[in-house]
Amino acid sequence: MKSLLAFAIVTFFAITIVMAAVFRNQRARETLRFLRNVAYGYIIAILLIAAWRLWFS
């Protein structure tokens, strides 16, 4: 089940990247920008949690 989910996620990203790069699809580009911003937020959240744990432990 996990491998099927991982395959679906990888396939989604591959199709989105191809649509954005090859076909110049605007919606695919917006999706990639949104996912990039989500990834930046995730990284910032992890850094804040790490700083919190270092400060209070």
Protein backbone atom coordinates (compact mmCIF):
# COMPACT_ATOMS: atom_id res chain seq x y z
CA MET A 1 0.00 0.00 0.00
CA LYS A 2 2.83 2.38 0.85
CA SER A 3 4.59 1.66 -2.41
CA LEU A 4 1.41 2.41 -4.36
CA LEU A 5 1.08 5.77 -2.58
CA ALA A 6 4.73 6.58 -3.22
CA PHE A 7 4.33 5.64 -6.89
CA ALA A 8 1.26 7.88 -7.19
CA ILE A 9 3.11 10.83 -5.66
CA VAL A 10 6.15 10.38 -7.90
CA THR A 11 3.89 10.05 -10.95
CA PHE A 12 2.00 13.23 -10.01
CA PHE A 13 5.23 15.22 -9.73
CA ALA A 14 6.62 13.80 -12.96
CA ILE A 15 3.48 14.65 -14.93
CA THR A 16 3.30 18.13 -13.41
CA ILE A 17 6.93 18.87 -14.23
CA VAL A 18 6.51 17.64 -17.81
CA MET A 19 3.38 19.75 -18.26
CA ALA A 20 5.14 22.83 -16.89
CA ALA A 21 8.38 22.41 -18.83
CA VAL A 22 7.34 20.86 -22.12
CA PHE A 23 3.80 22.09 -22.69
CA ARG A 24 4.20 25.45 -20.86
CA ASN A 25 0.97 24.81 -18.97
CA GLN A 26 0.26 27.80 -16.69
CA ARG A 27 -1.77 25.74 -14.19
CA ALA A 28 1.13 23.27 -13.83
CA ARG A 29 3.54 26.15 -13.21
CA GLU A 30 1.24 27.56 -10.53
CA THR A 31 1.01 24.12 -8.93
CA LEU A 32 4.80 23.84 -8.85
CA ARG A 33 5.10 27.34 -7.33
CA PHE A 34 2.56 26.41 -4.66
CA LEU A 35 4.39 23.17 -3.86
CA ARG A 36 7.68 25.07 -3.66
CA ASN A 37 6.16 27.51 -1.17
CA VAL A 38 4.74 24.64 0.87
CA ALA A 39 8.18 23.02 0.91
CA TYR A 40 9.77 26.28 2.11
CA GLY A 41 7.18 26.51 4.87
CA TYR A 42 7.87 22.91 5.87
CA ILE A 43 11.62 23.55 6.06
CA ILE A 44 11.11 26.70 8.13
CA ALA A 45 8.79 24.81 10.50
CA ILE A 46 11.38 22.07 11.00
CA LEU A 47 14.09 24.64 11.69
CA LEU A 48 11.86 26.42 14.22
CA ILE A 49 11.04 23.14 15.98
CA ALA A 50 14.75 22.25 16.10
CA ALA A 51 15.59 25.68 17.55
CA TRP A 52 12.77 25.28 20.09
CA ARG A 53 14.10 21.87 21.19
CA LEU A 54 17.66 23.17 21.45
CA TRP A 55 16.60 26.18 23.48
CA PHE A 56 14.37 24.34 25.96
CA SER A 57 16.25 21.08 26.42
